[in-house]
Protein backbone atom coordinates (compact mmCIF):
# COMPACT_ATOMS: atom_id res chain seq x y z
CA MET A 1 9.98 -63.62 -60.95
CA LYS A 2 11.26 -61.27 -58.30
CA LYS A 3 14.74 -59.85 -58.38
CA ILE A 4 16.54 -60.76 -55.19
CA LEU A 5 19.51 -58.52 -55.71
CA SER A 6 19.74 -54.94 -56.82
CA ILE A 7 22.54 -54.06 -59.21
CA CYS A 8 23.41 -50.81 -57.55
CA CYS A 9 22.76 -49.61 -54.06
CA LEU A 10 21.93 -45.99 -53.48
CA SER A 11 24.15 -43.97 -51.22
CA VAL A 12 22.61 -43.12 -47.89
CA ILE A 13 23.24 -40.65 -45.11
CA SER A 14 23.95 -41.67 -41.56
CA SER A 15 22.04 -40.28 -38.63
CA TYR A 16 25.30 -38.66 -37.53
CA GLY A 17 25.34 -36.56 -40.68
CA PHE A 18 28.18 -38.30 -42.54
CA ALA A 19 27.40 -38.63 -46.25
CA GLN A 20 28.61 -41.71 -48.10
CA ASP A 21 29.80 -40.69 -51.55
CA ILE A 22 30.57 -44.21 -52.80
CA LYS A 23 27.74 -46.24 -54.31
CA GLY A 24 28.17 -49.98 -54.01
CA ILE A 25 27.90 -52.16 -57.12
CA SER A 26 27.67 -55.81 -58.11
CA PHE A 27 28.54 -57.40 -61.44
CA SER A 28 28.93 -60.94 -62.74
CA HIS A 29 30.28 -62.48 -65.93
CA GLN A 30 30.36 -66.22 -66.59
CA GLU A 31 31.98 -67.94 -63.58
CA TRP A 32 33.16 -64.77 -61.81
CA GLU A 33 31.36 -62.03 -59.88
CA ILE A 34 32.28 -58.91 -57.95
CA SER A 35 30.75 -56.70 -55.28
CA CYS A 36 32.20 -53.36 -54.25
CA SER A 37 30.81 -51.63 -51.17
CA ASN A 38 30.25 -48.08 -49.99
CA THR A 39 33.68 -48.28 -48.28
CA GLY A 40 35.43 -48.75 -51.64
CA THR A 41 36.48 -52.33 -50.88
CA CYS A 42 35.95 -54.80 -53.73
CA LYS A 43 35.57 -58.57 -53.49
CA ALA A 44 35.82 -60.69 -56.64
CA ALA A 45 34.97 -64.39 -56.55
CA GLY A 46 35.59 -67.09 -59.15
CA TYR A 47 34.13 -70.60 -59.15
CA GLN A 48 34.34 -74.01 -60.79
CA ASN A 49 32.81 -74.72 -64.16
CA GLU A 50 30.06 -77.15 -63.22
CA GLU A 51 29.62 -78.36 -66.82
CA ASN A 52 32.97 -80.13 -66.55
CA GLY A 53 31.95 -81.91 -63.34
CA ASP A 54 34.58 -80.22 -61.23
CA ASN A 55 34.34 -80.24 -57.45
CA PRO A 56 32.85 -77.07 -55.91
CA ALA A 57 35.56 -74.48 -55.39
CA SER A 58 35.91 -70.73 -55.10
CA LEU A 59 38.71 -68.17 -55.03
CA LEU A 60 38.02 -64.77 -53.45
CA LEU A 61 40.19 -61.75 -54.31
CA VAL A 62 39.81 -58.76 -51.97
CA ARG A 63 41.23 -55.27 -52.45
CA LYS A 64 40.63 -52.12 -50.45
CA ALA A 65 40.39 -48.71 -52.07
CA GLY A 66 43.33 -46.33 -51.95
CA PRO A 67 46.91 -46.32 -53.29
CA LYS A 68 49.32 -49.23 -52.83
CA GLN A 69 46.65 -51.65 -51.63
CA ALA A 70 47.62 -55.29 -52.07
CA VAL A 71 45.18 -57.98 -53.18
CA GLN A 72 44.36 -60.59 -50.56
CA ALA A 73 43.07 -64.04 -51.54
CA GLU A 74 40.97 -66.68 -49.78
CA PHE A 75 39.69 -70.01 -51.05
CA ALA A 76 36.94 -72.53 -50.35
CA LEU A 77 37.09 -76.18 -51.48
CA SER A 78 34.31 -78.74 -51.10
CA ASP A 79 32.56 -81.70 -52.72
CA TYR A 80 28.94 -82.12 -53.73
CA GLU A 81 28.29 -84.85 -51.17
CA GLN A 82 30.03 -82.99 -48.32
CA SER A 83 31.60 -86.31 -47.33
CA LEU A 84 35.31 -86.28 -48.15
CA PRO A 85 37.24 -88.13 -45.41
CA ALA A 86 39.69 -86.02 -43.42
CA ASN A 87 42.70 -88.12 -44.44
CA GLN A 88 42.13 -87.11 -48.08
CA LEU A 89 42.11 -83.38 -47.35
CA LYS A 90 45.79 -82.94 -46.50
CA ASN A 91 48.81 -81.69 -48.45
CA ILE A 92 46.85 -79.64 -50.99
CA HIS A 93 49.03 -77.63 -53.37
CA PHE A 94 48.19 -74.61 -55.50
CA TYR A 95 48.98 -74.52 -59.23
CA VAL A 96 48.82 -71.80 -61.87
CA ASN A 97 49.36 -73.01 -65.45
CA SER A 98 50.68 -76.32 -64.11
CA LYS A 99 53.35 -74.62 -61.96
CA ASP A 100 53.38 -75.88 -58.39
CA LEU A 101 53.34 -72.84 -56.10
CA GLY A 102 53.46 -74.80 -52.89
CA ALA A 103 51.06 -76.10 -50.29
CA VAL A 104 48.15 -74.01 -49.06
CA SER A 105 47.32 -73.43 -45.41
CA ILE A 106 43.90 -74.78 -44.40
CA ASP A 107 41.88 -73.85 -41.33
CA GLY A 108 40.51 -77.11 -39.90
CA ASN A 109 39.12 -80.22 -41.59
CA ASP A 110 35.47 -79.24 -41.98
CA LEU A 111 33.99 -78.79 -45.44
CA PRO A 112 34.26 -76.49 -47.19
CA LEU A 113 38.00 -76.27 -46.61
CA MET A 114 38.87 -72.60 -46.08
CA GLY A 115 42.21 -70.84 -46.15
CA LYS A 116 44.31 -67.99 -47.57
CA LEU A 117 46.91 -67.83 -50.32
CA ASN A 118 50.34 -66.39 -49.62
CA ASN A 119 51.72 -63.38 -51.49
CA SER A 120 53.59 -65.37 -54.15
CA GLN A 121 50.50 -67.47 -54.89
CA VAL A 122 48.33 -64.36 -55.21
CA ASN A 123 50.86 -62.66 -57.50
CA ALA A 124 50.99 -65.72 -59.74
CA VAL A 125 47.23 -65.47 -60.30
CA LEU A 126 47.29 -61.72 -60.93
CA GLN A 127 50.19 -61.92 -63.38
CA GLN A 128 48.05 -64.18 -65.57
CA SER A 129 44.80 -62.25 -65.18
CA LYS A 130 44.63 -61.47 -68.93
CA GLN A 131 46.00 -64.80 -70.18
CA LYS A 132 43.26 -67.31 -69.31
CA PRO A 133 45.15 -68.99 -66.48
CA GLU A 134 44.57 -72.54 -65.33
CA ILE A 135 44.02 -72.30 -61.56
CA VAL A 136 44.05 -75.59 -59.68
CA PHE A 137 44.13 -76.89 -56.11
CA LYS A 138 45.04 -80.56 -55.82
CA ASN A 139 46.59 -83.37 -53.82
CA ALA A 140 47.07 -87.06 -54.55
CA GLN A 141 43.34 -87.84 -54.29
CA HIS A 142 41.42 -84.74 -55.38
CA GLU A 143 41.51 -81.76 -57.72
CA TRP A 144 39.62 -78.47 -57.66
CA LYS A 145 39.68 -76.11 -60.65
CA ILE A 146 38.77 -72.42 -60.65
CA SER A 147 37.41 -71.37 -64.03
CA ASP A 148 39.09 -68.43 -65.75
CA ALA A 149 35.85 -67.62 -67.62
CA GLY A 150 34.89 -64.06 -66.72
CA MET A 151 37.96 -63.38 -64.59
CA THR A 152 39.42 -60.64 -66.78
CA ALA A 153 36.10 -58.81 -67.10
CA VAL A 154 35.51 -58.89 -63.34
CA LEU A 155 39.02 -57.69 -62.43
CA LEU A 156 38.67 -54.92 -65.00
CA LYS A 157 35.46 -53.91 -63.24
CA MET A 158 37.42 -53.78 -59.97
CA ASP A 159 40.04 -51.53 -61.57
CA ASP A 160 37.32 -49.30 -63.01
CA PHE A 161 35.39 -48.97 -59.73
CA GLN A 162 38.57 -48.14 -57.79
CA LYS A 163 39.76 -45.75 -60.55
CA ARG A 164 42.98 -47.66 -61.16
CA ILE A 165 42.77 -48.08 -64.95
CA GLY A 166 45.95 -46.70 -66.51
CA THR A 167 47.81 -46.65 -63.21
CA VAL A 168 50.76 -48.73 -62.06
CA GLY A 169 48.45 -50.49 -59.61
CA ALA A 170 45.84 -51.70 -62.12
CA LEU A 171 45.23 -55.43 -62.34
CA VAL A 172 44.23 -55.55 -66.01
CA LYS A 173 44.87 -52.25 -67.86
CA LYS A 174 48.11 -51.06 -66.34
CA GLY A 175 49.66 -47.71 -67.21
CA ASN A 176 52.38 -45.34 -66.07
CA ALA A 177 50.23 -43.05 -63.94
CA ASN A 178 50.72 -43.10 -60.18
CA GLU A 179 47.83 -43.82 -57.84
CA ALA A 180 47.34 -40.30 -56.55
CA LYS A 181 43.84 -40.06 -58.04
CA VAL A 182 42.52 -43.56 -57.29
CA LEU A 183 39.37 -44.03 -55.26
CA MET A 184 40.02 -43.41 -51.57
CA SER A 185 38.48 -45.65 -48.95
CA GLU A 186 35.57 -44.47 -46.81
CA PRO A 187 34.59 -45.59 -43.31
CA LYS A 188 31.56 -47.80 -42.86
CA LEU A 189 28.23 -46.02 -42.63
CA LEU A 190 27.50 -45.10 -39.01
CA VAL A 191 23.87 -45.27 -37.91
CA LYS A 192 22.27 -44.84 -34.50
CA ARG A 193 19.39 -47.26 -34.08
CA ILE A 194 16.27 -46.04 -32.32
CA LYS A 195 14.47 -49.01 -30.80
CA THR A 196 10.76 -49.37 -31.39
CA THR A 197 8.06 -51.81 -30.39
CA ALA A 198 8.37 -55.33 -31.77
CA LYS A 199 4.62 -56.01 -31.85
CA SER A 200 1.99 -54.57 -34.14
CA TYR A 201 -0.77 -52.47 -32.58
CA LEU A 202 -3.34 -52.85 -35.34
CA THR A 203 -4.15 -55.41 -38.03
CA LEU A 204 -6.31 -54.33 -40.96
CA GLN A 205 -8.29 -56.89 -42.97
CA PRO A 206 -8.75 -56.45 -46.75
CA LYS A 207 -12.51 -55.96 -46.67
CA SER A 208 -12.48 -53.02 -44.27
CA LYS A 209 -12.81 -49.42 -45.53
CA GLN A 210 -9.74 -48.29 -43.58
CA TYR A 211 -7.70 -51.08 -45.20
CA GLN A 212 -8.73 -50.03 -48.69
CA ALA A 213 -7.72 -46.41 -48.13
CA ILE A 214 -4.33 -47.30 -46.65
CA HIS A 215 -3.66 -50.02 -49.22
CA ARG A 216 -4.30 -47.49 -51.97
CA SER A 217 -1.77 -45.14 -50.39
CA LEU A 218 0.82 -47.90 -50.15
CA MET A 219 0.38 -48.93 -53.77
CA GLU A 220 0.72 -45.32 -54.94
CA ALA A 221 4.22 -45.33 -53.42
CA ASN A 222 5.38 -47.85 -56.06
CA PRO A 223 9.04 -46.97 -56.81
CA ASN A 224 8.85 -48.55 -60.29
CA PRO A 225 5.42 -47.82 -61.81
CA LYS A 226 6.21 -49.85 -64.94
CA GLU A 227 6.84 -53.06 -62.97
CA ASP A 228 4.50 -55.36 -61.06
CA PHE A 229 4.39 -54.26 -57.45
CA CYS A 230 3.19 -56.01 -54.28
CA GLU A 231 0.63 -58.08 -56.15
CA GLY A 232 -0.48 -60.19 -53.21
CA ILE A 233 -0.79 -63.98 -53.00
CA TYR A 234 -2.29 -66.17 -55.72
CA GLY A 235 -4.61 -69.01 -54.79
CA GLY A 236 -7.69 -69.42 -52.65
CA ASN A 237 -11.04 -68.48 -54.15
CA SER A 238 -9.74 -65.76 -56.46
CA ASP A 239 -8.41 -66.01 -59.99
CA GLY A 240 -6.01 -63.13 -59.36
CA ALA A 241 -3.67 -62.06 -56.59
CA GLU A 242 -5.35 -61.56 -53.23
CA PRO A 243 -4.28 -58.59 -51.07
CA GLN A 244 -3.09 -59.58 -47.62
CA GLU A 245 -3.73 -58.05 -44.21
CA ILE A 246 -1.78 -54.94 -43.21
CA GLU A 247 0.10 -54.86 -39.91
CA LEU A 248 0.83 -51.49 -38.29
CA TYR A 249 3.72 -50.87 -35.85
CA LYS A 250 4.38 -47.71 -33.89
CA LEU A 251 7.72 -46.06 -34.57
CA THR A 252 8.94 -42.75 -33.08
CA ASN A 253 8.40 -39.14 -34.16
CA LYS A 254 4.71 -39.86 -34.75
CA LYS A 255 5.45 -42.34 -37.53
CA VAL A 256 4.06 -45.80 -38.22
CA LEU A 257 5.43 -48.79 -40.11
CA ALA A 258 2.98 -50.61 -42.38
CA THR A 259 3.76 -54.12 -43.63
CA THR A 260 1.91 -56.57 -45.84
CA LEU A 261 2.81 -59.81 -47.62
CA CYS A 262 3.54 -58.80 -51.22
CA TRP A 263 4.61 -61.98 -52.97
CA ARG A 264 5.45 -65.63 -52.44
CA GLY A 265 7.61 -67.92 -54.57
CA ALA A 266 8.73 -71.53 -54.42
CA TYR A 267 10.97 -70.97 -51.37
CA ASN A 268 10.90 -67.24 -50.69
CA GLU A 269 8.37 -64.60 -49.75
CA GLY A 270 8.62 -60.86 -49.38
CA TYR A 271 6.78 -58.33 -47.25
CA GLY A 272 6.35 -54.74 -48.29
CA ALA A 273 7.29 -52.05 -45.78
CA TRP A 274 6.25 -48.38 -45.75
CA ILE A 275 6.39 -45.42 -43.37
CA LEU A 276 3.16 -43.53 -42.66
CA ASP A 277 2.15 -40.67 -40.41
CA GLU A 278 0.43 -41.98 -37.28
CA SER A 279 -2.78 -40.35 -38.53
CA LEU A 280 -2.61 -42.94 -41.35
CA THR A 281 -3.25 -40.19 -43.89
CA GLY A 282 -1.02 -38.59 -46.48
CA LYS A 283 1.64 -40.15 -48.70
CA ALA A 284 3.43 -43.35 -47.75
CA THR A 285 7.21 -43.70 -47.98
CA PHE A 286 8.31 -47.00 -49.51
CA VAL A 287 11.17 -48.96 -47.90
CA THR A 288 11.25 -52.44 -49.50
CA GLU A 289 9.11 -55.33 -50.77
CA THR A 290 11.58 -58.08 -49.87
CA ALA A 291 11.33 -57.88 -46.06
CA SER A 292 11.33 -61.08 -44.02
CA ASP A 293 11.06 -59.71 -40.49
CA PHE A 294 10.65 -56.56 -38.39
CA ASP A 295 11.99 -56.41 -34.85
CA SER A 296 12.45 -53.36 -32.61
CA GLY A 297 13.47 -50.91 -35.28
CA ILE A 298 15.19 -53.23 -37.77
CA ILE A 299 13.65 -54.49 -41.01
CA SER A 300 15.54 -57.52 -42.28
CA SER A 301 15.44 -59.55 -45.47
CA ALA A 302 16.86 -63.03 -46.08
CA GLN A 303 16.19 -64.63 -49.47
CA LYS A 304 17.47 -67.93 -50.87
CA GLY A 305 19.09 -67.93 -54.29
CA ARG A 306 17.80 -71.49 -54.73
CA GLY A 307 16.00 -74.11 -52.70
CA ILE A 308 18.99 -75.98 -51.28
CA GLY A 309 20.13 -72.78 -49.57
CA ASP A 310 23.72 -72.66 -50.83
CA CYS A 311 23.38 -68.95 -51.62
CA TRP A 312 21.54 -66.12 -49.84
CA ALA A 313 20.84 -62.43 -50.21
CA SER A 314 20.60 -60.46 -46.96
CA GLU A 315 19.58 -56.85 -46.30
CA GLU A 316 18.73 -54.65 -43.31
CA TRP A 317 17.15 -51.25 -42.78
CA VAL A 318 17.53 -49.51 -39.41
CA TRP A 319 15.16 -46.91 -37.95
CA ASP A 320 17.16 -43.81 -36.93
CA GLY A 321 14.15 -41.81 -35.72
CA LYS A 322 13.45 -40.23 -39.11
CA SER A 323 13.74 -42.97 -41.71
CA PHE A 324 14.82 -46.55 -42.30
CA VAL A 325 18.48 -46.39 -43.33
CA HIS A 326 19.75 -49.13 -45.62
CA THR A 327 22.60 -50.56 -43.52
CA LYS A 328 23.24 -53.95 -45.10
CA ASP A 329 23.12 -55.35 -48.62
CA MET A 330 25.03 -58.60 -48.94
CA TRP A 331 25.18 -61.70 -51.15
CA THR A 332 26.92 -64.96 -50.18
CA GLY A 333 28.10 -65.74 -53.71
CA MET A 334 26.94 -67.76 -56.69
CA CYS A 335 24.81 -70.85 -56.14
CA LYS A 336 27.55 -73.40 -56.70
CA GLY A 337 27.05 -76.09 -54.06
CA LEU A 338 29.97 -75.05 -51.85
CA ALA A 339 28.07 -75.03 -48.55
CA ALA A 340 24.67 -74.44 -47.03
CA GLY A 341 24.35 -70.74 -46.33
CA GLY A 342 27.03 -69.80 -48.84
CA VAL A 343 30.68 -69.04 -48.13
CA TRP A 344 31.40 -65.35 -48.78
CA GLU A 345 30.09 -61.96 -47.72
CA LEU A 346 29.97 -59.89 -50.89
CA ASP A 347 28.86 -56.46 -49.66
CA ARG A 348 27.37 -53.47 -51.41
CA ILE A 349 26.53 -51.65 -48.18
CA GLU A 350 28.53 -51.93 -44.96
CA ALA A 351 27.55 -50.13 -41.77
CA ILE A 352 28.12 -49.91 -38.04
CA VAL A 353 24.84 -49.77 -36.12
CA LYS A 354 25.06 -48.22 -32.66
């Protein structure tokens, strides 16, 4: 089974020469998960415990890097049938450990219901971050519970990533130290995109001699020699995986992009992508084996977390004239039935593409 998400994203260098020193991470524990990006911003999301039959719900806690940064909170509330009548979605209050902290502000009547917590509501959650809080949204007709399972571990990971452990600003392990040495925020990666052709100029079939030589070069660029790599597609007249045709696209600086279908699952497929010299000789440079599309200098990947499409992983690589720079690595959050397409943007890489 293919991994859709990487645990850690490598730092990359923009075409303007600015080096990103922060490596984005992702981490999950029980009903909570966190992603921290190359800017230093962390987003932690908690969800309902589905075993108890609770309605789909999520709470997102966002904190930027740097001293004296407050935690912001957003929420998403839904139901599995996506059919709650509008007159039952009003006057929703927020509770922590059965204490009514007032009504929440909701943007519109469409499901999932989205909104933000106020400062006192956020502080009530954070004050109980180590005490297994009961977090509830409810009105006269409905109730949504956010599980506390995994919350402490995830917020501790946020403190660790932002170097706040032992400081007055830590969420879990507070101390007396000031925040002078906490992680400082970084700007988004800045990349200049060089447009290329959108159409391939050559298609190589598996039985040709040229295909076999290039395919061998691509396979030798395997980034993880101990793992299965671009096996091809099972089925047809072969007992094993069948290699697929290779498409070649002209880039700039006398480089070529080679792509081939590497794998196919129940509801996802991934293309491999490599850079070659236009002579089609020499070593290939591997980019990814989860690509979904290539268009005018951008390789993109969109992969479902499960068939109903309530969670997605999305990545992009942009051609800057020398290499494909990893400019996007994002996950929409756990597969919890909140909404088609997911509800959050949990980033490991953030960039501005010119």
